[in-house]
Amino acid sequence: MRLNGIEENITSSILESINANSIENWILTGLQPVSGGDINEAFALTLSRPSNSNAENSSQRKIFVKLNSRKNSVFFKSESIALELINLSRQIKCPRVISRGEVGDFAYLVLEFIPLNKKGDIKRFAQELAMLHANNLSKNGYYGFYENNFIGATPQVNTWKANWVEFFAQCRLSTQLKLLKKKGLSSRDYQKAIGLIDELPVFFENYQPKASFVHGDLWSGNYAFNEQGDPIIFDPASYYGDHEVDLAMLELFGEPGEEFYSAYEKCFPINQGYRYRKSLYNLYHILNHANLFGGSYYSQAMSMVDQLISFARKF
């Protein structure tokens, strides 16, 4: 879906959903496309108070709008659930959900607009992420989530499991491998990867992770800082799992630095086995990239499988 702008019926629906919970009736006075995503269309909308308004607060506000086709409205439902839970935790900032809805052939998600910077208080980011992980645990200790969601555009299975290794095997690696097999993964490579799943218990000897609330897709493009330098996380694919999955992905396409890990560990100690498991956890995302984009991600995934099997069989 590509749009040159938002059609009038869409903006009218968005404004109606905003004004339903507002004293003032905001009007649209500006619209700017926002780049950066490859799944949704995104816009920054400028809203103004009517000229006859007596409000003493600012006469303008900005909001952030994501658009997708109506058939993909479930994307926004799962994202809004995760964002609301993060905000309720009061541990780390994320955009506030204002509204979501459907109009015509489209679905939309309206979020608080936060001007973002790539530089900020990395130590505070580490501390707040650690507190999110440490203090927001699954109520029954199970791994999973209230419903399935998405990792990028790929469905992410979140069936509740009492055992983390079982959850990661069945709901993460196995689901990606089955999808990749349908897209041409050879039987030989598929069986090899299934062999890695059989070796998973080796990576978890003497380690039973808590079922922590995780962002789930925490690469360097999904966190930033506001104008005050406060950390902001966004575009979650959340569930309850091992907190190490977020730490691992932070290293997948970048490196937050030693200051980050030092600050994080003071709030939530990192098990020494993490250095072996991080490649295992990032295999899930490389498999997903292979499913989404193909190309070199296929060979990268199989190289990771070979390395992980080699490591597991040394023990």
Protein backbone atom coordinates (compact mmCIF):
# COMPACT_ATOMS: atom_id res chain seq x y z
CA MET A 1 0.00 0.00 0.00
CA ARG A 2 1.40 3.39 -1.03
CA LEU A 3 -0.40 6.64 -0.41
CA ASN A 4 0.48 10.19 -1.44
CA GLY A 5 -1.51 11.40 1.51
CA ILE A 6 -4.30 10.38 3.82
CA GLU A 7 -7.72 10.45 2.25
CA GLU A 8 -10.30 12.74 3.80
CA ASN A 9 -12.50 9.94 5.13
CA ILE A 10 -9.50 8.50 6.97
CA THR A 11 -8.48 11.78 8.60
CA SER A 12 -12.11 12.38 9.55
CA SER A 13 -12.27 9.00 11.27
CA ILE A 14 -8.97 9.61 13.05
CA LEU A 15 -10.07 13.05 14.26
CA GLU A 16 -13.40 11.65 15.42
CA SER A 17 -11.62 8.97 17.48
CA ILE A 18 -9.33 11.58 19.06
CA ASN A 19 -12.05 14.12 19.77
CA ALA A 20 -14.28 11.47 21.35
CA ASN A 21 -12.04 11.64 24.42
CA SER A 22 -11.13 15.33 24.24
CA ILE A 23 -12.78 18.48 25.51
CA GLU A 24 -11.76 20.34 22.37
CA ASN A 25 -12.58 19.40 18.79
CA TRP A 26 -9.19 19.35 17.11
CA ILE A 27 -8.90 20.17 13.42
CA LEU A 28 -6.26 18.94 10.98
CA THR A 29 -3.86 21.67 9.85
CA GLY A 30 -0.83 19.71 8.69
CA LEU A 31 0.27 16.32 7.41
CA GLN A 32 3.76 15.00 6.76
CA PRO A 33 4.76 11.49 5.63
CA VAL A 34 7.27 9.78 7.94
CA SER A 35 9.80 7.36 6.47
CA GLY A 36 11.62 4.50 8.16
CA GLY A 37 9.20 1.56 8.18
CA ASP A 38 8.56 -1.05 5.51
CA ILE A 39 5.29 -2.52 6.79
CA ASN A 40 3.04 0.48 7.41
CA GLU A 41 2.50 3.93 5.95
CA ALA A 42 3.28 6.52 8.63
CA PHE A 43 2.36 10.18 9.01
CA ALA A 44 2.84 13.02 11.46
CA LEU A 45 -0.39 14.98 11.73
CA THR A 46 -0.54 18.51 13.12
CA LEU A 47 -3.76 19.31 14.92
CA SER A 48 -4.95 22.74 16.00
CA ARG A 49 -7.63 24.01 18.30
CA PRO A 50 -10.57 25.84 16.70
CA SER A 51 -10.15 29.62 16.47
CA ASN A 52 -12.95 30.11 19.01
CA SER A 53 -11.29 27.88 21.60
CA ASN A 54 -10.78 29.34 25.06
CA ALA A 55 -8.28 26.67 26.12
CA GLU A 56 -5.17 27.96 27.85
CA ASN A 57 -3.01 25.03 26.77
CA SER A 58 -0.96 24.88 23.57
CA SER A 59 -3.01 25.62 20.47
CA GLN A 60 -1.32 22.81 18.52
CA ARG A 61 -0.35 19.18 18.98
CA LYS A 62 1.21 16.49 16.85
CA ILE A 63 0.20 12.87 16.59
CA PHE A 64 1.76 9.89 14.86
CA VAL A 65 -0.42 7.72 12.63
CA LYS A 66 0.27 4.30 11.15
CA LEU A 67 -1.84 3.02 8.26
CA ASN A 68 -2.22 -0.43 6.82
CA SER A 69 -4.89 -2.34 4.95
CA ARG A 70 -8.02 -3.22 6.88
CA LYS A 71 -7.24 -6.94 6.65
CA ASN A 72 -4.06 -6.26 8.67
CA SER A 73 -5.79 -4.45 11.54
CA VAL A 74 -4.64 -7.26 13.84
CA PHE A 75 -1.11 -5.79 13.52
CA PHE A 76 -2.29 -2.68 15.33
CA LYS A 77 -4.30 -4.57 17.91
CA SER A 78 -1.29 -6.58 19.07
CA GLU A 79 1.02 -3.55 18.99
CA SER A 80 -1.37 -1.43 21.04
CA ILE A 81 -1.69 -4.17 23.68
CA ALA A 82 2.09 -4.30 24.09
CA LEU A 83 2.49 -0.50 24.18
CA GLU A 84 -0.23 -0.17 26.79
CA LEU A 85 1.42 -2.81 28.98
CA ILE A 86 4.78 -1.07 28.69
CA ASN A 87 3.22 2.23 29.69
CA LEU A 88 1.37 0.61 32.58
CA SER A 89 4.66 -0.80 33.87
CA ARG A 90 6.01 2.75 34.39
CA GLN A 91 9.52 1.37 33.92
CA ILE A 92 10.45 2.80 30.51
CA LYS A 93 8.82 5.24 28.11
CA CYS A 94 7.06 4.30 24.89
CA PRO A 95 4.50 6.12 22.73
CA ARG A 96 1.08 6.37 24.34
CA VAL A 97 -1.77 4.78 22.41
CA ILE A 98 -4.42 7.37 21.57
CA SER A 99 -6.80 5.33 19.44
CA ARG A 100 -7.05 2.75 16.70
CA GLY A 101 -9.77 1.91 14.25
CA GLU A 102 -10.83 0.97 10.74
CA VAL A 103 -12.27 3.02 7.94
CA GLY A 104 -12.93 1.96 4.37
CA ASP A 105 -10.15 -0.34 3.22
CA PHE A 106 -7.76 0.86 5.90
CA ALA A 107 -6.83 0.32 9.52
CA TYR A 108 -5.04 2.93 11.60
CA LEU A 109 -3.19 3.29 14.87
CA VAL A 110 -2.86 6.72 16.46
CA LEU A 111 0.05 7.26 18.82
CA GLU A 112 1.62 10.04 20.79
CA PHE A 113 4.16 11.88 18.63
CA ILE A 114 7.62 11.90 20.21
CA PRO A 115 10.51 13.68 18.44
CA LEU A 116 13.38 11.19 18.56
CA ASN A 117 17.16 11.39 18.71
CA LYS A 118 19.68 8.59 18.38
CA LYS A 119 21.78 9.89 21.26
CA GLY A 120 20.73 10.04 24.88
CA ASP A 121 21.28 8.53 28.31
CA ILE A 122 22.40 4.98 27.43
CA LYS A 123 22.97 4.15 31.09
CA ARG A 124 19.39 5.08 31.91
CA PHE A 125 18.18 3.03 28.95
CA ALA A 126 19.97 0.00 30.40
CA GLN A 127 18.55 0.57 33.87
CA GLU A 128 14.97 1.09 32.70
CA LEU A 129 15.05 -1.89 30.34
CA ALA A 130 16.41 -4.05 33.16
CA MET A 131 13.64 -2.87 35.47
CA LEU A 132 11.03 -3.65 32.80
CA HIS A 133 12.43 -7.18 32.55
CA ALA A 134 12.89 -7.75 36.27
CA ASN A 135 9.64 -6.32 37.57
CA ASN A 136 7.11 -7.40 34.95
CA LEU A 137 6.82 -11.15 35.08
CA SER A 138 4.21 -13.55 33.81
CA LYS A 139 1.57 -13.98 36.52
CA ASN A 140 1.59 -17.76 36.32
CA GLY A 141 5.27 -18.08 35.42
CA TYR A 142 4.41 -19.33 31.93
CA TYR A 143 6.10 -18.20 28.73
CA GLY A 144 4.02 -16.76 25.91
CA PHE A 145 1.47 -13.99 25.54
CA TYR A 146 -2.25 -13.32 25.64
CA GLU A 147 -2.48 -13.68 21.88
CA ASN A 148 -0.29 -14.26 18.86
CA ASN A 149 1.34 -11.20 17.32
CA PHE A 150 3.95 -10.41 14.66
CA ILE A 151 7.70 -10.21 14.27
CA GLY A 152 7.96 -7.81 11.37
CA ALA A 153 5.30 -9.07 8.98
CA THR A 154 5.64 -12.70 10.11
CA PRO A 155 3.05 -14.19 12.49
CA GLN A 156 4.60 -14.89 15.89
CA VAL A 157 3.16 -17.78 17.88
CA ASN A 158 2.80 -17.11 21.62
CA THR A 159 1.10 -20.23 22.94
CA TRP A 160 1.58 -20.41 26.73
CA LYS A 161 4.20 -22.95 27.81
CA ALA A 162 5.47 -23.87 31.27
CA ASN A 163 8.92 -24.72 29.89
CA TRP A 164 11.08 -22.08 28.21
CA VAL A 165 13.09 -24.52 26.07
CA GLU A 166 9.86 -26.02 24.77
CA PHE A 167 8.47 -22.56 24.05
CA PHE A 168 11.57 -21.41 22.18
CA ALA A 169 11.79 -24.66 20.25
CA GLN A 170 8.14 -24.87 19.19
CA CYS A 171 6.97 -21.26 19.07
CA ARG A 172 10.14 -19.65 17.75
CA LEU A 173 12.61 -21.86 15.86
CA SER A 174 10.21 -24.52 14.63
CA THR A 175 7.66 -22.02 13.28
CA GLN A 176 10.32 -20.14 11.33
CA LEU A 177 11.82 -23.34 9.94
CA LYS A 178 8.43 -24.59 8.74
CA LEU A 179 7.82 -21.30 6.96
CA LEU A 180 11.27 -21.40 5.40
CA LYS A 181 10.76 -24.97 4.23
CA LYS A 182 7.67 -23.85 2.33
CA LYS A 183 9.83 -21.20 0.66
CA GLY A 184 12.46 -23.65 -0.50
CA LEU A 185 14.66 -24.62 2.42
CA SER A 186 16.21 -27.95 1.38
CA SER A 187 15.25 -31.11 3.26
CA ARG A 188 18.91 -31.55 4.22
CA ASP A 189 19.16 -28.08 5.79
CA TYR A 190 15.75 -28.43 7.39
CA GLN A 191 16.73 -31.70 9.08
CA LYS A 192 20.02 -30.19 10.19
CA ALA A 193 18.19 -27.27 11.83
CA ILE A 194 15.74 -29.65 13.48
CA GLY A 195 18.82 -31.41 14.86
CA LEU A 196 19.80 -28.16 16.55
CA ILE A 197 16.41 -28.04 18.26
CA ASP A 198 17.17 -31.47 19.73
CA GLU A 199 20.37 -29.99 21.20
CA LEU A 200 18.68 -27.00 22.87
CA PRO A 201 18.79 -28.36 26.47
CA VAL A 202 22.61 -28.10 26.34
CA PHE A 203 22.34 -24.30 26.22
CA PHE A 204 20.15 -24.19 29.31
CA GLU A 205 21.96 -26.42 31.77
CA ASN A 206 21.64 -24.85 35.22
CA TYR A 207 19.68 -21.93 33.77
CA GLN A 208 15.94 -21.44 34.16
CA PRO A 209 15.00 -17.92 33.01
CA LYS A 210 12.18 -15.95 34.53
CA ALA A 211 9.21 -15.27 32.28
CA SER A 212 9.97 -11.58 31.84
CA PHE A 213 7.99 -9.13 29.74
CA VAL A 214 10.23 -8.46 26.73
CA HIS A 215 10.08 -6.01 23.86
CA GLY A 216 10.68 -8.90 21.47
CA ASP A 217 12.09 -6.94 18.50
CA LEU A 218 14.63 -4.70 20.20
CA TRP A 219 17.14 -3.94 17.47
CA SER A 220 18.86 -0.57 17.22
CA GLY A 221 16.07 0.83 15.05
CA ASN A 222 13.41 0.26 17.71
CA TYR A 223 14.79 2.38 20.50
CA ALA A 224 15.85 6.01 20.64
CA PHE A 225 15.76 9.01 22.98
CA ASN A 226 13.46 11.99 23.31
CA GLU A 227 14.59 15.62 23.33
CA GLN A 228 15.41 15.37 27.03
CA GLY A 229 17.61 12.31 26.47
CA ASP A 230 15.12 9.86 28.01
CA PRO A 231 15.07 6.38 26.42
CA ILE A 232 12.06 5.48 24.27
CA ILE A 233 11.18 2.03 22.95
CA PHE A 234 8.64 1.39 20.19
CA ASP A 235 7.36 -1.12 17.61
CA PRO A 236 7.24 -4.01 20.11
CA ALA A 237 6.62 -7.69 19.38
CA SER A 238 6.19 -8.46 23.05
CA TYR A 239 5.69 -11.65 25.01
CA TYR A 240 6.88 -13.21 28.28
CA GLY A 241 10.23 -14.92 27.81
CA ASP A 242 13.91 -14.92 28.71
CA HIS A 243 15.11 -11.33 29.18
CA GLU A 244 18.24 -12.31 27.25
CA VAL A 245 16.32 -12.26 23.95
CA ASP A 246 16.21 -8.45 24.10
CA LEU A 247 19.88 -8.22 25.05
CA ALA A 248 20.85 -10.53 22.18
CA MET A 249 18.95 -8.57 19.56
CA LEU A 250 20.58 -5.35 20.70
CA GLU A 251 23.81 -6.95 19.46
CA LEU A 252 22.40 -8.24 16.17
CA PHE A 253 22.67 -5.05 14.11
CA GLY A 254 24.79 -2.94 16.43
CA GLU A 255 26.23 -2.81 19.92
CA PRO A 256 24.92 -0.65 22.78
CA GLY A 257 28.35 -0.63 24.45
CA GLU A 258 29.99 -1.65 27.69
CA GLU A 259 28.36 1.16 29.67
CA PHE A 260 24.96 -0.26 28.78
CA TYR A 261 25.76 -3.80 29.95
CA SER A 262 27.45 -2.62 33.12
CA ALA A 263 24.40 -0.56 34.08
CA TYR A 264 21.97 -3.31 33.08
CA GLU A 265 23.71 -5.98 35.13
CA LYS A 266 23.57 -3.90 38.30
CA CYS A 267 19.76 -4.02 38.03
CA PHE A 268 19.30 -7.50 36.56
CA PRO A 269 22.33 -9.85 36.63
CA ILE A 270 23.18 -11.48 33.31
CA ASN A 271 23.86 -15.21 33.52
CA GLN A 272 27.32 -16.17 32.26
CA GLY A 273 25.78 -18.58 29.74
CA TYR A 274 24.32 -15.62 27.84
CA ARG A 275 27.46 -15.41 25.71
CA TYR A 276 26.55 -18.81 24.25
CA ARG A 277 22.80 -18.31 24.03
CA LYS A 278 22.79 -14.94 22.29
CA SER A 279 23.60 -16.50 18.91
CA LEU A 280 20.83 -19.03 19.47
CA TYR A 281 18.33 -16.28 20.20
CA ASN A 282 19.43 -14.22 17.19
CA LEU A 283 19.05 -17.25 14.94
CA TYR A 284 15.31 -16.74 15.32
CA HIS A 285 15.56 -13.25 13.84
CA ILE A 286 17.92 -14.29 11.03
CA LEU A 287 15.51 -17.09 10.11
CA ASN A 288 12.74 -14.51 10.08
CA HIS A 289 14.81 -12.24 7.82
CA ALA A 290 15.40 -15.22 5.53
CA ASN A 291 11.64 -15.73 5.36
CA LEU A 292 10.95 -12.05 4.74
CA PHE A 293 13.84 -11.03 2.50
CA GLY A 294 15.67 -14.18 1.38
CA GLY A 295 19.10 -13.55 -0.10
CA SER A 296 22.16 -13.92 2.11
CA TYR A 297 20.04 -14.39 5.24
CA TYR A 298 19.47 -18.01 4.20
CA SER A 299 23.20 -18.83 4.20
CA GLN A 300 23.76 -16.76 7.34
CA ALA A 301 21.08 -18.75 9.16
CA MET A 302 22.54 -22.10 8.14
CA SER A 303 26.04 -20.97 9.13
CA MET A 304 24.67 -20.09 12.56
CA VAL A 305 22.99 -23.50 12.79
CA ASP A 306 26.31 -25.22 12.00
CA GLN A 307 28.17 -23.20 14.63
CA LEU A 308 25.54 -23.81 17.30
CA ILE A 309 25.40 -27.54 16.66
CA SER A 310 29.20 -27.71 16.79
CA PHE A 311 29.22 -25.91 20.12
CA ALA A 312 26.43 -28.08 21.59
CA ARG A 313 28.15 -31.32 20.66
CA LYS A 314 31.33 -30.37 22.46
CA PHE A 315 29.49 -30.80 25.76
